């Protein structure tokens, strides 16, 4: 999982790459969303977009979450 990066005014991104294994896309995104919520602290985390790619158990899986704290 990458460190949370600013990508604009009050906007942030976090991403992850999982190599092999049997982690589902849903699990990867849930971990990223948990990290985003923790980063926002007492503020609300608002999801702006998310992407994912790769095949579970076959190719590296990637996921990215773009969010803002309100």
PDB file of N, CA and C in Angstrom:
ATOM      1  N   UNK A   1       0.845  -1.163   0.000  1.00  0.00           N
ATOM      2  CA  UNK A   1       0.000   0.000   0.000  1.00  0.00           C
ATOM      3  C   UNK A   1       0.900   1.239   0.000  1.00  0.00           C
ATOM      4  N   UNK A   2       0.548   2.206  -0.828  1.00  0.00           N
ATOM      5  CA  UNK A   2       1.360   3.426  -0.902  1.00  0.00           C
ATOM      6  C   UNK A   2       0.992   4.385   0.225  1.00  0.00           C
ATOM      7  N   UNK A   3       1.885   5.311   0.517  1.00  0.00           N
ATOM      8  CA  UNK A   3       1.488   6.388   1.427  1.00  0.00           C
ATOM      9  C   UNK A   3       0.370   7.206   0.767  1.00  0.00           C
ATOM     10  N   UNK A   4      -0.448   7.842   1.564  1.00  0.00           N
ATOM     11  CA  UNK A   4      -1.500   8.697   1.018  1.00  0.00           C
ATOM     12  C   UNK A   4      -0.844   9.939   0.420  1.00  0.00           C
ATOM     13  N   UNK A   5      -1.218  10.240  -0.824  1.00  0.00           N
ATOM     14  CA  UNK A   5      -0.612  11.340  -1.562  1.00  0.00           C
ATOM     15  C   UNK A   5      -1.644  12.425  -1.844  1.00  0.00           C
ATOM     16  N   UNK A   6      -1.297  13.697  -1.651  1.00  0.00           N
ATOM     17  CA  UNK A   6      -2.206  14.769  -2.063  1.00  0.00           C
ATOM     18  C   UNK A   6      -2.215  14.860  -3.589  1.00  0.00           C
ATOM     19  N   UNK A   7      -3.397  15.064  -4.159  1.00  0.00           N
ATOM     20  CA  UNK A   7      -3.510  15.180  -5.619  1.00  0.00           C
ATOM     21  C   UNK A   7      -4.303  16.419  -6.021  1.00  0.00           C
ATOM     22  N   UNK A   8      -4.455  17.341  -5.111  1.00  0.00           N
ATOM     23  CA  UNK A   8      -5.194  18.572  -5.372  1.00  0.00           C
ATOM     24  C   UNK A   8      -5.680  19.139  -4.054  1.00  0.00           C
ATOM     25  N   UNK A   9      -6.419  20.223  -4.143  1.00  0.00           N
ATOM     26  CA  UNK A   9      -6.929  20.863  -2.929  1.00  0.00           C
ATOM     27  C   UNK A   9      -7.895  19.922  -2.218  1.00  0.00           C
ATOM     28  N   UNK A  10      -7.506  19.490  -1.039  1.00  0.00           N
ATOM     29  CA  UNK A  10      -8.333  18.609  -0.201  1.00  0.00           C
ATOM     30  C   UNK A  10      -8.644  17.264  -0.851  1.00  0.00           C
ATOM     31  N   UNK A  11      -7.854  16.840  -1.820  1.00  0.00           N
ATOM     32  CA  UNK A  11      -8.057  15.559  -2.497  1.00  0.00           C
ATOM     33  C   UNK A  11      -6.812  14.709  -2.312  1.00  0.00           C
ATOM     34  N   UNK A  12      -7.042  13.402  -2.126  1.00  0.00           N
ATOM     35  CA  UNK A  12      -5.941  12.496  -1.835  1.00  0.00           C
ATOM     36  C   UNK A  12      -6.117  11.183  -2.588  1.00  0.00           C
ATOM     37  N   UNK A  13      -5.021  10.440  -2.722  1.00  0.00           N
ATOM     38  CA  UNK A  13      -5.048   9.153  -3.395  1.00  0.00           C
ATOM     39  C   UNK A  13      -4.220   8.158  -2.601  1.00  0.00           C
ATOM     40  N   UNK A  14      -4.692   6.917  -2.577  1.00  0.00           N
ATOM     41  CA  UNK A  14      -3.928   5.815  -2.010  1.00  0.00           C
ATOM     42  C   UNK A  14      -4.106   4.636  -2.954  1.00  0.00           C
ATOM     43  N   UNK A  15      -3.054   3.844  -3.125  1.00  0.00           N
ATOM     44  CA  UNK A  15      -3.151   2.702  -4.041  1.00  0.00           C
ATOM     45  C   UNK A  15      -2.423   1.501  -3.458  1.00  0.00           C
ATOM     46  N   UNK A  16      -2.675   0.357  -4.075  1.00  0.00           N
ATOM     47  CA  UNK A  16      -2.073  -0.879  -3.605  1.00  0.00           C
ATOM     48  C   UNK A  16      -1.861  -1.823  -4.781  1.00  0.00           C
ATOM     49  N   UNK A  17      -0.801  -2.598  -4.691  1.00  0.00           N
ATOM     50  CA  UNK A  17      -0.564  -3.675  -5.650  1.00  0.00           C
ATOM     51  C   UNK A  17      -0.325  -4.948  -4.853  1.00  0.00           C
ATOM     52  N   UNK A  18      -1.083  -5.975  -5.170  1.00  0.00           N
ATOM     53  CA  UNK A  18      -0.945  -7.276  -4.517  1.00  0.00           C
ATOM     54  C   UNK A  18      -0.441  -8.257  -5.561  1.00  0.00           C
ATOM     55  N   UNK A  19       0.664  -8.893  -5.294  1.00  0.00           N
ATOM     56  CA  UNK A  19       1.266  -9.808  -6.272  1.00  0.00           C
ATOM     57  C   UNK A  19       0.890 -11.244  -5.941  1.00  0.00           C
ATOM     58  N   UNK A  20       0.135 -11.846  -6.836  1.00  0.00           N
ATOM     59  CA  UNK A  20      -0.269 -13.235  -6.623  1.00  0.00           C
ATOM     60  C   UNK A  20      -1.197 -13.370  -5.441  1.00  0.00           C
ATOM     61  N   UNK A  21      -1.451 -14.569  -5.022  1.00  0.00           N
ATOM     62  CA  UNK A  21      -2.307 -14.792  -3.869  1.00  0.00           C
ATOM     63  C   UNK A  21      -3.769 -14.799  -4.233  1.00  0.00           C
ATOM     64  N   UNK A  22      -4.589 -14.786  -3.217  1.00  0.00           N
ATOM     65  CA  UNK A  22      -6.016 -14.939  -3.456  1.00  0.00           C
ATOM     66  C   UNK A  22      -6.828 -13.864  -2.757  1.00  0.00           C
ATOM     67  N   UNK A  23      -6.264 -12.658  -2.661  1.00  0.00           N
ATOM     68  CA  UNK A  23      -6.992 -11.525  -2.112  1.00  0.00           C
ATOM     69  C   UNK A  23      -7.985 -11.034  -3.156  1.00  0.00           C
ATOM     70  N   UNK A  24      -9.223 -10.815  -2.758  1.00  0.00           N
ATOM     71  CA  UNK A  24     -10.233 -10.353  -3.712  1.00  0.00           C
ATOM     72  C   UNK A  24     -10.110  -8.853  -3.943  1.00  0.00           C
ATOM     73  N   UNK A  25     -10.663  -8.392  -5.064  1.00  0.00           N
ATOM     74  CA  UNK A  25     -10.685  -6.959  -5.345  1.00  0.00           C
ATOM     75  C   UNK A  25     -11.398  -6.223  -4.219  1.00  0.00           C
ATOM     76  N   UNK A  26     -12.473  -6.800  -3.722  1.00  0.00           N
ATOM     77  CA  UNK A  26     -13.237  -6.189  -2.634  1.00  0.00           C
ATOM     78  C   UNK A  26     -12.409  -6.014  -1.372  1.00  0.00           C
ATOM     79  N   UNK A  27     -11.581  -7.006  -1.048  1.00  0.00           N
ATOM     80  CA  UNK A  27     -10.732  -6.899   0.140  1.00  0.00           C
ATOM     81  C   UNK A  27      -9.684  -5.805  -0.016  1.00  0.00           C
ATOM     82  N   UNK A  28      -9.105  -5.732  -1.204  1.00  0.00           N
ATOM     83  CA  UNK A  28      -8.090  -4.707  -1.459  1.00  0.00           C
ATOM     84  C   UNK A  28      -8.711  -3.324  -1.332  1.00  0.00           C
ATOM     85  N   UNK A  29      -9.872  -3.108  -1.962  1.00  0.00           N
ATOM     86  CA  UNK A  29     -10.529  -1.804  -1.885  1.00  0.00           C
ATOM     87  C   UNK A  29     -10.967  -1.489  -0.466  1.00  0.00           C
ATOM     88  N   UNK A  30     -11.462  -2.476   0.264  1.00  0.00           N
ATOM     89  CA  UNK A  30     -11.888  -2.251   1.649  1.00  0.00           C
ATOM     90  C   UNK A  30     -10.710  -1.785   2.494  1.00  0.00           C
ATOM     91  N   UNK A  31      -9.536  -2.375   2.306  1.00  0.00           N
ATOM     92  CA  UNK A  31      -8.339  -1.956   3.040  1.00  0.00           C
ATOM     93  C   UNK A  31      -7.976  -0.505   2.708  1.00  0.00           C
ATOM     94  N   UNK A  32      -8.069  -0.149   1.419  1.00  0.00           N
ATOM     95  CA  UNK A  32      -7.759   1.220   1.014  1.00  0.00           C
ATOM     96  C   UNK A  32      -8.769   2.204   1.596  1.00  0.00           C
ATOM     97  N   UNK A  33     -10.048   1.848   1.582  1.00  0.00           N
ATOM     98  CA  UNK A  33     -11.080   2.729   2.136  1.00  0.00           C
ATOM     99  C   UNK A  33     -10.910   2.898   3.638  1.00  0.00           C
ATOM    100  N   UNK A  34     -10.543   1.823   4.341  1.00  0.00           N
ATOM    101  CA  UNK A  34     -10.277   1.921   5.777  1.00  0.00           C
ATOM    102  C   UNK A  34      -9.121   2.890   6.048  1.00  0.00           C
ATOM    103  N   UNK A  35      -8.101   2.801   5.223  1.00  0.00           N
ATOM    104  CA  UNK A  35      -6.948   3.690   5.384  1.00  0.00           C
ATOM    105  C   UNK A  35      -7.340   5.143   5.121  1.00  0.00           C
ATOM    106  N   UNK A  36      -8.180   5.369   4.103  1.00  0.00           N
ATOM    107  CA  UNK A  36      -8.647   6.718   3.794  1.00  0.00           C
ATOM    108  C   UNK A  36      -9.491   7.272   4.945  1.00  0.00           C
ATOM    109  N   UNK A  37     -10.391   6.457   5.485  1.00  0.00           N
ATOM    110  CA  UNK A  37     -11.216   6.904   6.616  1.00  0.00           C
ATOM    111  C   UNK A  37     -10.349   7.261   7.823  1.00  0.00           C
ATOM    112  N   UNK A  38      -9.354   6.439   8.104  1.00  0.00           N
ATOM    113  CA  UNK A  38      -8.456   6.712   9.226  1.00  0.00           C
ATOM    114  C   UNK A  38      -7.680   8.013   8.991  1.00  0.00           C
ATOM    115  N   UNK A  39      -7.270   8.246   7.756  1.00  0.00           N
ATOM    116  CA  UNK A  39      -6.543   9.455   7.416  1.00  0.00           C
ATOM    117  C   UNK A  39      -7.399  10.696   7.653  1.00  0.00           C
ATOM    118  N   UNK A  40      -8.675  10.619   7.321  1.00  0.00           N
ATOM    119  CA  UNK A  40      -9.569  11.766   7.484  1.00  0.00           C
ATOM    120  C   UNK A  40      -9.915  12.016   8.950  1.00  0.00           C
ATOM    121  N   UNK A  41      -9.669  11.040   9.809  1.00  0.00           N
ATOM    122  CA  UNK A  41      -9.914  11.223  11.236  1.00  0.00           C
ATOM    123  C   UNK A  41     -11.375  11.470  11.536  1.00  0.00           C
ATOM    124  N   UNK A  42     -11.666  12.570  12.224  1.00  0.00           N
ATOM    125  CA  UNK A  42     -13.039  12.871  12.631  1.00  0.00           C
ATOM    126  C   UNK A  42     -13.874  13.443  11.496  1.00  0.00           C
ATOM    127  N   UNK A  43     -13.221  13.795  10.405  1.00  0.00           N
ATOM    128  CA  UNK A  43     -13.956  14.295   9.239  1.00  0.00           C
ATOM    129  C   UNK A  43     -14.528  13.113   8.473  1.00  0.00           C
ATOM    130  N   UNK A  44     -15.495  13.380   7.606  1.00  0.00           N
ATOM    131  CA  UNK A  44     -16.055  12.346   6.742  1.00  0.00           C
ATOM    132  C   UNK A  44     -15.134  12.103   5.552  1.00  0.00           C
ATOM    133  N   UNK A  45     -14.974  10.843   5.175  1.00  0.00           N
ATOM    134  CA  UNK A  45     -14.238  10.500   3.967  1.00  0.00           C
ATOM    135  C   UNK A  45     -15.261  10.378   2.850  1.00  0.00           C
ATOM    136  N   UNK A  46     -15.034  11.074   1.740  1.00  0.00           N
ATOM    137  CA  UNK A  46     -15.929  11.027   0.596  1.00  0.00           C
ATOM    138  C   UNK A  46     -15.177  10.397  -0.571  1.00  0.00           C
ATOM    139  N   UNK A  47     -15.665   9.277  -1.046  1.00  0.00           N
ATOM    140  CA  UNK A  47     -15.046   8.587  -2.179  1.00  0.00           C
ATOM    141  C   UNK A  47     -15.362   9.332  -3.462  1.00  0.00           C
ATOM    142  N   UNK A  48     -14.334   9.649  -4.231  1.00  0.00           N
ATOM    143  CA  UNK A  48     -14.543  10.294  -5.523  1.00  0.00           C
ATOM    144  C   UNK A  48     -14.481   9.276  -6.659  1.00  0.00           C
ATOM    145  N   UNK A  49     -13.534   8.347  -6.585  1.00  0.00           N
ATOM    146  CA  UNK A  49     -13.459   7.305  -7.608  1.00  0.00           C
ATOM    147  C   UNK A  49     -12.568   6.181  -7.111  1.00  0.00           C
ATOM    148  N   UNK A  50     -12.727   5.035  -7.737  1.00  0.00           N
ATOM    149  CA  UNK A  50     -11.842   3.914  -7.442  1.00  0.00           C
ATOM    150  C   UNK A  50     -11.687   3.084  -8.707  1.00  0.00           C
ATOM    151  N   UNK A  51     -10.521   2.507  -8.854  1.00  0.00           N
ATOM    152  CA  UNK A  51     -10.251   1.638  -9.994  1.00  0.00           C
ATOM    153  C   UNK A  51      -9.547   0.390  -9.486  1.00  0.00           C
ATOM    154  N   UNK A  52      -9.635  -0.671 -10.267  1.00  0.00           N
ATOM    155  CA  UNK A  52      -8.897  -1.882  -9.933  1.00  0.00           C
ATOM    156  C   UNK A  52      -8.595  -2.638 -11.213  1.00  0.00           C
ATOM    157  N   UNK A  53      -7.613  -3.523 -11.147  1.00  0.00           N
ATOM    158  CA  UNK A  53      -7.234  -4.311 -12.303  1.00  0.00           C
ATOM    159  C   UNK A  53      -6.471  -5.547 -11.879  1.00  0.00           C
ATOM    160  N   UNK A  54      -6.231  -6.418 -12.805  1.00  0.00           N
ATOM    161  CA  UNK A  54      -5.536  -7.662 -12.511  1.00  0.00           C
ATOM    162  C   UNK A  54      -6.522  -8.796 -12.286  1.00  0.00           C
ATOM    163  N   UNK A  55      -5.985 -10.002 -12.178  1.00  0.00           N
ATOM    164  CA  UNK A  55      -6.809 -11.191 -12.003  1.00  0.00           C
ATOM    165  C   UNK A  55      -6.384 -11.916 -10.740  1.00  0.00           C
ATOM    166  N   UNK A  56      -7.333 -12.143  -9.861  1.00  0.00           N
ATOM    167  CA  UNK A  56      -7.057 -12.805  -8.590  1.00  0.00           C
ATOM    168  C   UNK A  56      -6.355 -14.134  -8.810  1.00  0.00           C
ATOM    169  N   UNK A  57      -5.209 -14.322  -8.142  1.00  0.00           N
ATOM    170  CA  UNK A  57      -4.467 -15.567  -8.209  1.00  0.00           C
ATOM    171  C   UNK A  57      -3.658 -15.770  -9.484  1.00  0.00           C
ATOM    172  N   UNK A  58      -3.711 -14.819 -10.413  1.00  0.00           N
ATOM    173  CA  UNK A  58      -3.029 -15.013 -11.678  1.00  0.00           C
ATOM    174  C   UNK A  58      -2.051 -13.889 -11.993  1.00  0.00           C
ATOM    175  N   UNK A  59      -2.506 -12.650 -11.992  1.00  0.00           N
ATOM    176  CA  UNK A  59      -1.648 -11.505 -12.287  1.00  0.00           C
ATOM    177  C   UNK A  59      -1.664 -10.550 -11.094  1.00  0.00           C
ATOM    178  N   UNK A  60      -0.701  -9.650 -11.000  1.00  0.00           N
ATOM    179  CA  UNK A  60      -0.757  -8.666  -9.914  1.00  0.00           C
ATOM    180  C   UNK A  60      -2.074  -7.885  -9.968  1.00  0.00           C
ATOM    181  N   UNK A  61      -2.662  -7.690  -8.804  1.00  0.00           N
ATOM    182  CA  UNK A  61      -3.894  -6.921  -8.713  1.00  0.00           C
ATOM    183  C   UNK A  61      -3.553  -5.520  -8.234  1.00  0.00           C
ATOM    184  N   UNK A  62      -4.181  -4.531  -8.829  1.00  0.00           N
ATOM    185  CA  UNK A  62      -3.958  -3.151  -8.438  1.00  0.00           C
ATOM    186  C   UNK A  62      -5.290  -2.509  -8.079  1.00  0.00           C
ATOM    187  N   UNK A  63      -5.243  -1.550  -7.201  1.00  0.00           N
ATOM    188  CA  UNK A  63      -6.422  -0.773  -6.845  1.00  0.00           C
ATOM    189  C   UNK A  63      -5.972   0.625  -6.474  1.00  0.00           C
ATOM    190  N   UNK A  64      -6.833   1.593  -6.747  1.00  0.00           N
ATOM    191  CA  UNK A  64      -6.542   2.987  -6.446  1.00  0.00           C
ATOM    192  C   UNK A  64      -7.833   3.636  -5.966  1.00  0.00           C
ATOM    193  N   UNK A  65      -7.728   4.460  -4.938  1.00  0.00           N
ATOM    194  CA  UNK A  65      -8.882   5.165  -4.390  1.00  0.00           C
ATOM    195  C   UNK A  65      -8.554   6.652  -4.341  1.00  0.00           C
ATOM    196  N   UNK A  66      -9.427   7.467  -4.910  1.00  0.00           N
ATOM    197  CA  UNK A  66      -9.317   8.915  -4.871  1.00  0.00           C
ATOM    198  C   UNK A  66     -10.404   9.397  -3.928  1.00  0.00           C
ATOM    199  N   UNK A  67     -10.039  10.241  -2.946  1.00  0.00           N
ATOM    200  CA  UNK A  67     -11.018  10.651  -1.945  1.00  0.00           C
ATOM    201  C   UNK A  67     -10.732  12.048  -1.441  1.00  0.00           C
ATOM    202  N   UNK A  68     -11.702  12.588  -0.695  1.00  0.00           N
ATOM    203  CA  UNK A  68     -11.486  13.857  -0.023  1.00  0.00           C
ATOM    204  C   UNK A  68     -12.074  13.775   1.370  1.00  0.00           C
ATOM    205  N   UNK A  69     -11.595  14.611   2.259  1.00  0.00           N
ATOM    206  CA  UNK A  69     -12.082  14.678   3.632  1.00  0.00           C
ATOM    207  C   UNK A  69     -12.980  15.907   3.742  1.00  0.00           C
ATOM    208  N   UNK A  70     -14.170  15.725   4.309  1.00  0.00           N
ATOM    209  CA  UNK A  70     -15.094  16.867   4.480  1.00  0.00           C
ATOM    210  C   UNK A  70     -15.467  17.020   5.925  1.00  0.00           C
TER     211      UNK A  70
END
